[in-house]
Amino acid sequence: MPYGVRTAGLMLAVMLGAAGCGPFGWTRLTVNHPLSEQDVAFIRPGETKLEEVTKRLGAPTMLEQTAVGMVASYYYYDGRYFGIDLTYPLNFFGPVSLTPHGVNLRNMGVGMDMFQVAYDARGVVQYDAFAHRSDISRYKAWPFEDRLPRMSPTELGP
């Protein structure tokens, strides 16, 4: 096969894969800005005020009134998808391409993380913490991999 034909075929395969018209598909979507420990390291309980937190982190997703002050919650969502159609090559073989077929291996997950800051009535930080640290949105190497941590019989209790 001439060099130019192989190059053109490879370029066509890459373009179809990039357009989502191939055996592979992957997507990642993040809603809101993910916060890390470095992003919130400036917060000092008893010292930092609401104005400084909102100036650095932006407006919270939710602000709730409590009996002693308020709680600000910063949410972000992370979703991932990967899929492969194992029967995609059958699309190129005459009569077989006209029959219904499709063996898809898919892996997807959506996780939510939340950072919360509690303020007193004067708007001074009382505590801050990450409420969720979900890894459900990570890609798994094997579709039947456990998402839950393994526990020994002694940890399970009587």
C-alpha atoms as a PDB file:
ATOM      1  CA  MET A   1       0.000   0.000   0.000  1.00  0.00           C
ATOM      2  CA  PRO A   2       1.483   3.405  -0.947  1.00  0.00           C
ATOM      3  CA  TYR A   3       2.636   5.677   1.857  1.00  0.00           C
ATOM      4  CA  GLY A   4       0.111   8.425   0.986  1.00  0.00           C
ATOM      5  CA  VAL A   5      -2.874   6.064   1.188  1.00  0.00           C
ATOM      6  CA  ARG A   6      -1.854   4.809   4.645  1.00  0.00           C
ATOM      7  CA  THR A   7      -1.359   8.372   5.866  1.00  0.00           C
ATOM      8  CA  ALA A   8      -4.755   9.432   4.494  1.00  0.00           C
ATOM      9  CA  GLY A   9      -6.407   6.403   6.133  1.00  0.00           C
ATOM     10  CA  LEU A  10      -4.786   7.179   9.468  1.00  0.00           C
ATOM     11  CA  MET A  11      -5.831  10.837   9.247  1.00  0.00           C
ATOM     12  CA  LEU A  12      -9.417   9.788   8.426  1.00  0.00           C
ATOM     13  CA  ALA A  13      -9.501   7.430  11.418  1.00  0.00           C
ATOM     14  CA  VAL A  14      -8.203  10.159  13.741  1.00  0.00           C
ATOM     15  CA  MET A  15     -10.721  12.709  12.427  1.00  0.00           C
ATOM     16  CA  LEU A  16     -13.652  10.289  12.788  1.00  0.00           C
ATOM     17  CA  GLY A  17     -12.540   9.386  16.306  1.00  0.00           C
ATOM     18  CA  ALA A  18     -12.213  13.050  17.254  1.00  0.00           C
ATOM     19  CA  ALA A  19     -15.694  13.732  15.869  1.00  0.00           C
ATOM     20  CA  GLY A  20     -17.188  10.912  17.946  1.00  0.00           C
ATOM     21  CA  CYS A  21     -17.896   8.768  14.866  1.00  0.00           C
ATOM     22  CA  GLY A  22     -15.793   5.816  15.820  1.00  0.00           C
ATOM     23  CA  PRO A  23     -15.440   2.962  18.227  1.00  0.00           C
ATOM     24  CA  PHE A  24     -14.169   5.147  21.081  1.00  0.00           C
ATOM     25  CA  GLY A  25     -15.822   7.999  22.948  1.00  0.00           C
ATOM     26  CA  TRP A  26     -14.734   9.951  25.979  1.00  0.00           C
ATOM     27  CA  THR A  27     -16.128  13.034  27.647  1.00  0.00           C
ATOM     28  CA  ARG A  28     -15.397  15.012  30.782  1.00  0.00           C
ATOM     29  CA  LEU A  29     -17.575  17.775  32.181  1.00  0.00           C
ATOM     30  CA  THR A  30     -16.899  19.896  35.247  1.00  0.00           C
ATOM     31  CA  VAL A  31     -19.511  22.333  36.557  1.00  0.00           C
ATOM     32  CA  ASN A  32     -18.190  25.171  38.759  1.00  0.00           C
ATOM     33  CA  HIS A  33     -14.572  25.656  39.760  1.00  0.00           C
ATOM     34  CA  PRO A  34     -13.097  22.715  41.719  1.00  0.00           C
ATOM     35  CA  LEU A  35     -11.557  23.846  45.011  1.00  0.00           C
ATOM     36  CA  SER A  36      -8.419  22.339  46.493  1.00  0.00           C
ATOM     37  CA  GLU A  37      -6.751  22.591  49.895  1.00  0.00           C
ATOM     38  CA  GLN A  38      -4.374  25.217  48.446  1.00  0.00           C
ATOM     39  CA  ASP A  39      -7.311  27.372  47.329  1.00  0.00           C
ATOM     40  CA  VAL A  40      -8.737  27.549  50.854  1.00  0.00           C
ATOM     41  CA  ALA A  41      -5.485  27.600  52.866  1.00  0.00           C
ATOM     42  CA  PHE A  42      -5.901  31.337  53.571  1.00  0.00           C
ATOM     43  CA  ILE A  43      -8.996  30.729  55.745  1.00  0.00           C
ATOM     44  CA  ARG A  44      -8.263  31.029  59.484  1.00  0.00           C
ATOM     45  CA  PRO A  45     -11.133  30.269  61.883  1.00  0.00           C
ATOM     46  CA  GLY A  46     -11.781  33.190  64.206  1.00  0.00           C
ATOM     47  CA  GLU A  47      -9.941  35.645  61.917  1.00  0.00           C
ATOM     48  CA  THR A  48     -11.090  35.474  58.272  1.00  0.00           C
ATOM     49  CA  LYS A  49     -14.280  37.319  57.366  1.00  0.00           C
ATOM     50  CA  LEU A  50     -17.024  36.629  54.839  1.00  0.00           C
ATOM     51  CA  GLU A  51     -15.867  39.457  52.577  1.00  0.00           C
ATOM     52  CA  GLU A  52     -12.376  38.001  52.176  1.00  0.00           C
ATOM     53  CA  VAL A  53     -13.700  34.492  51.477  1.00  0.00           C
ATOM     54  CA  THR A  54     -16.131  35.703  48.800  1.00  0.00           C
ATOM     55  CA  LYS A  55     -13.448  37.933  47.302  1.00  0.00           C
ATOM     56  CA  ARG A  56     -11.096  34.956  46.839  1.00  0.00           C
ATOM     57  CA  LEU A  57     -13.538  32.097  46.182  1.00  0.00           C
ATOM     58  CA  GLY A  58     -16.457  33.973  44.659  1.00  0.00           C
ATOM     59  CA  ALA A  59     -20.092  33.830  45.651  1.00  0.00           C
ATOM     60  CA  PRO A  60     -21.124  30.557  47.290  1.00  0.00           C
ATOM     61  CA  THR A  61     -23.532  28.189  45.575  1.00  0.00           C
ATOM     62  CA  MET A  62     -25.779  28.256  48.626  1.00  0.00           C
ATOM     63  CA  LEU A  63     -25.908  30.482  51.715  1.00  0.00           C
ATOM     64  CA  GLU A  64     -28.066  29.242  54.589  1.00  0.00           C
ATOM     65  CA  GLN A  65     -29.077  31.035  57.781  1.00  0.00           C
ATOM     66  CA  THR A  66     -28.481  29.130  61.054  1.00  0.00           C
ATOM     67  CA  ALA A  67     -29.329  29.899  64.670  1.00  0.00           C
ATOM     68  CA  VAL A  68     -25.823  31.284  65.327  1.00  0.00           C
ATOM     69  CA  GLY A  69     -24.847  32.678  61.913  1.00  0.00           C
ATOM     70  CA  MET A  70     -24.740  31.203  58.410  1.00  0.00           C
ATOM     71  CA  VAL A  71     -23.179  28.422  56.337  1.00  0.00           C
ATOM     72  CA  ALA A  72     -21.807  28.985  52.838  1.00  0.00           C
ATOM     73  CA  SER A  73     -21.577  25.961  50.536  1.00  0.00           C
ATOM     74  CA  TYR A  74     -19.462  25.773  47.390  1.00  0.00           C
ATOM     75  CA  TYR A  75     -20.461  22.865  45.122  1.00  0.00           C
ATOM     76  CA  TYR A  76     -18.834  21.485  42.027  1.00  0.00           C
ATOM     77  CA  TYR A  77     -19.694  18.480  39.926  1.00  0.00           C
ATOM     78  CA  ASP A  78     -17.368  16.320  37.896  1.00  0.00           C
ATOM     79  CA  GLY A  79     -18.610  13.830  35.321  1.00  0.00           C
ATOM     80  CA  ARG A  80     -16.679  11.443  33.119  1.00  0.00           C
ATOM     81  CA  TYR A  81     -17.655   8.997  30.405  1.00  0.00           C
ATOM     82  CA  PHE A  82     -15.674   6.493  28.355  1.00  0.00           C
ATOM     83  CA  GLY A  83     -17.097   3.995  25.907  1.00  0.00           C
ATOM     84  CA  ILE A  84     -15.851   1.554  23.298  1.00  0.00           C
ATOM     85  CA  ASP A  85     -17.899  -0.349  20.713  1.00  0.00           C
ATOM     86  CA  LEU A  86     -16.218  -3.731  20.387  1.00  0.00           C
ATOM     87  CA  THR A  87     -18.188  -4.637  17.235  1.00  0.00           C
ATOM     88  CA  TYR A  88     -17.414  -1.423  15.327  1.00  0.00           C
ATOM     89  CA  PRO A  89     -15.223  -3.221  12.731  1.00  0.00           C
ATOM     90  CA  LEU A  90     -18.276  -5.272  11.635  1.00  0.00           C
ATOM     91  CA  ASN A  91     -19.639  -2.069  10.051  1.00  0.00           C
ATOM     92  CA  PHE A  92     -17.184  -2.579   7.193  1.00  0.00           C
ATOM     93  CA  PHE A  93     -18.184  -6.142   6.199  1.00  0.00           C
ATOM     94  CA  GLY A  94     -21.047  -6.364   3.695  1.00  0.00           C
ATOM     95  CA  PRO A  95     -24.201  -8.075   4.956  1.00  0.00           C
ATOM     96  CA  VAL A  96     -23.068  -8.117   8.577  1.00  0.00           C
ATOM     97  CA  SER A  97     -23.033  -4.314   8.620  1.00  0.00           C
ATOM     98  CA  LEU A  98     -26.791  -4.271   7.937  1.00  0.00           C
ATOM     99  CA  THR A  99     -27.693  -6.459  10.904  1.00  0.00           C
ATOM    100  CA  PRO A 100     -28.204  -5.019  14.375  1.00  0.00           C
ATOM    101  CA  HIS A 101     -25.064  -5.410  16.406  1.00  0.00           C
ATOM    102  CA  GLY A 102     -23.319  -3.572  19.172  1.00  0.00           C
ATOM    103  CA  VAL A 103     -21.282  -4.723  22.104  1.00  0.00           C
ATOM    104  CA  ASN A 104     -20.445  -1.631  24.065  1.00  0.00           C
ATOM    105  CA  LEU A 105     -18.233  -1.364  27.102  1.00  0.00           C
ATOM    106  CA  ARG A 106     -19.043   1.853  28.950  1.00  0.00           C
ATOM    107  CA  ASN A 107     -17.788   3.488  32.084  1.00  0.00           C
ATOM    108  CA  MET A 108     -19.237   6.654  33.515  1.00  0.00           C
ATOM    109  CA  GLY A 109     -19.708   8.436  36.784  1.00  0.00           C
ATOM    110  CA  VAL A 110     -20.749  11.775  38.226  1.00  0.00           C
ATOM    111  CA  GLY A 111     -19.320  12.981  41.508  1.00  0.00           C
ATOM    112  CA  MET A 112     -20.085  15.985  43.672  1.00  0.00           C
ATOM    113  CA  ASP A 113     -17.692  17.762  45.972  1.00  0.00           C
ATOM    114  CA  MET A 114     -18.669  20.411  48.484  1.00  0.00           C
ATOM    115  CA  PHE A 115     -16.699  22.889  50.557  1.00  0.00           C
ATOM    116  CA  GLN A 116     -18.504  24.546  53.477  1.00  0.00           C
ATOM    117  CA  VAL A 117     -17.668  27.570  55.579  1.00  0.00           C
ATOM    118  CA  ALA A 118     -19.587  28.395  58.773  1.00  0.00           C
ATOM    119  CA  TYR A 119     -19.744  32.009  59.966  1.00  0.00           C
ATOM    120  CA  ASP A 120     -20.933  33.548  63.202  1.00  0.00           C
ATOM    121  CA  ALA A 121     -23.454  36.415  63.305  1.00  0.00           C
ATOM    122  CA  ARG A 122     -20.653  38.960  62.640  1.00  0.00           C
ATOM    123  CA  GLY A 123     -19.503  37.142  59.471  1.00  0.00           C
ATOM    124  CA  VAL A 124     -16.299  35.684  60.962  1.00  0.00           C
ATOM    125  CA  VAL A 125     -15.326  32.132  59.969  1.00  0.00           C
ATOM    126  CA  GLN A 126     -15.925  29.553  62.703  1.00  0.00           C
ATOM    127  CA  TYR A 127     -14.928  26.456  60.727  1.00  0.00           C
ATOM    128  CA  ASP A 128     -14.383  25.290  57.166  1.00  0.00           C
ATOM    129  CA  ALA A 129     -14.288  21.787  55.722  1.00  0.00           C
ATOM    130  CA  PHE A 130     -14.666  19.713  52.598  1.00  0.00           C
ATOM    131  CA  ALA A 131     -17.960  17.890  53.122  1.00  0.00           C
ATOM    132  CA  HIS A 132     -17.671  15.513  50.148  1.00  0.00           C
ATOM    133  CA  ARG A 133     -14.608  14.147  48.450  1.00  0.00           C
ATOM    134  CA  SER A 134     -16.132  11.810  45.924  1.00  0.00           C
ATOM    135  CA  ASP A 135     -13.995   9.794  43.533  1.00  0.00           C
ATOM    136  CA  ILE A 136     -17.014   8.291  41.782  1.00  0.00           C
ATOM    137  CA  SER A 137     -16.203  10.300  38.668  1.00  0.00           C
ATOM    138  CA  ARG A 138     -12.795   8.692  38.190  1.00  0.00           C
ATOM    139  CA  TYR A 139     -12.199   6.342  35.290  1.00  0.00           C
ATOM    140  CA  LYS A 140     -12.019   2.700  36.250  1.00  0.00           C
ATOM    141  CA  ALA A 141      -9.575   0.306  34.641  1.00  0.00           C
ATOM    142  CA  TRP A 142     -12.024  -2.596  34.814  1.00  0.00           C
ATOM    143  CA  PRO A 143     -15.829  -2.342  34.562  1.00  0.00           C
ATOM    144  CA  PHE A 144     -16.451  -4.610  37.546  1.00  0.00           C
ATOM    145  CA  GLU A 145     -14.073  -2.837  39.924  1.00  0.00           C
ATOM    146  CA  ASP A 146     -15.497  -2.174  43.393  1.00  0.00           C
ATOM    147  CA  ARG A 147     -16.288   1.427  44.197  1.00  0.00           C
ATOM    148  CA  LEU A 148     -16.482   0.724  47.918  1.00  0.00           C
ATOM    149  CA  PRO A 149     -13.414   0.237  50.091  1.00  0.00           C
ATOM    150  CA  ARG A 150     -12.734  -3.285  51.243  1.00  0.00           C
ATOM    151  CA  MET A 151     -13.276  -3.902  54.955  1.00  0.00           C
ATOM    152  CA  SER A 152     -11.925  -6.683  57.098  1.00  0.00           C
ATOM    153  CA  PRO A 153     -14.350  -8.801  59.183  1.00  0.00           C
ATOM    154  CA  THR A 154     -13.123  -7.082  62.365  1.00  0.00           C
ATOM    155  CA  GLU A 155     -14.080  -3.663  60.961  1.00  0.00           C
ATOM    156  CA  LEU A 156     -17.597  -4.831  60.117  1.00  0.00           C
ATOM    157  CA  GLY A 157     -18.410  -5.502  63.777  1.00  0.00           C
ATOM    158  CA  PRO A 158     -20.435  -8.285  65.413  1.00  0.00           C
END
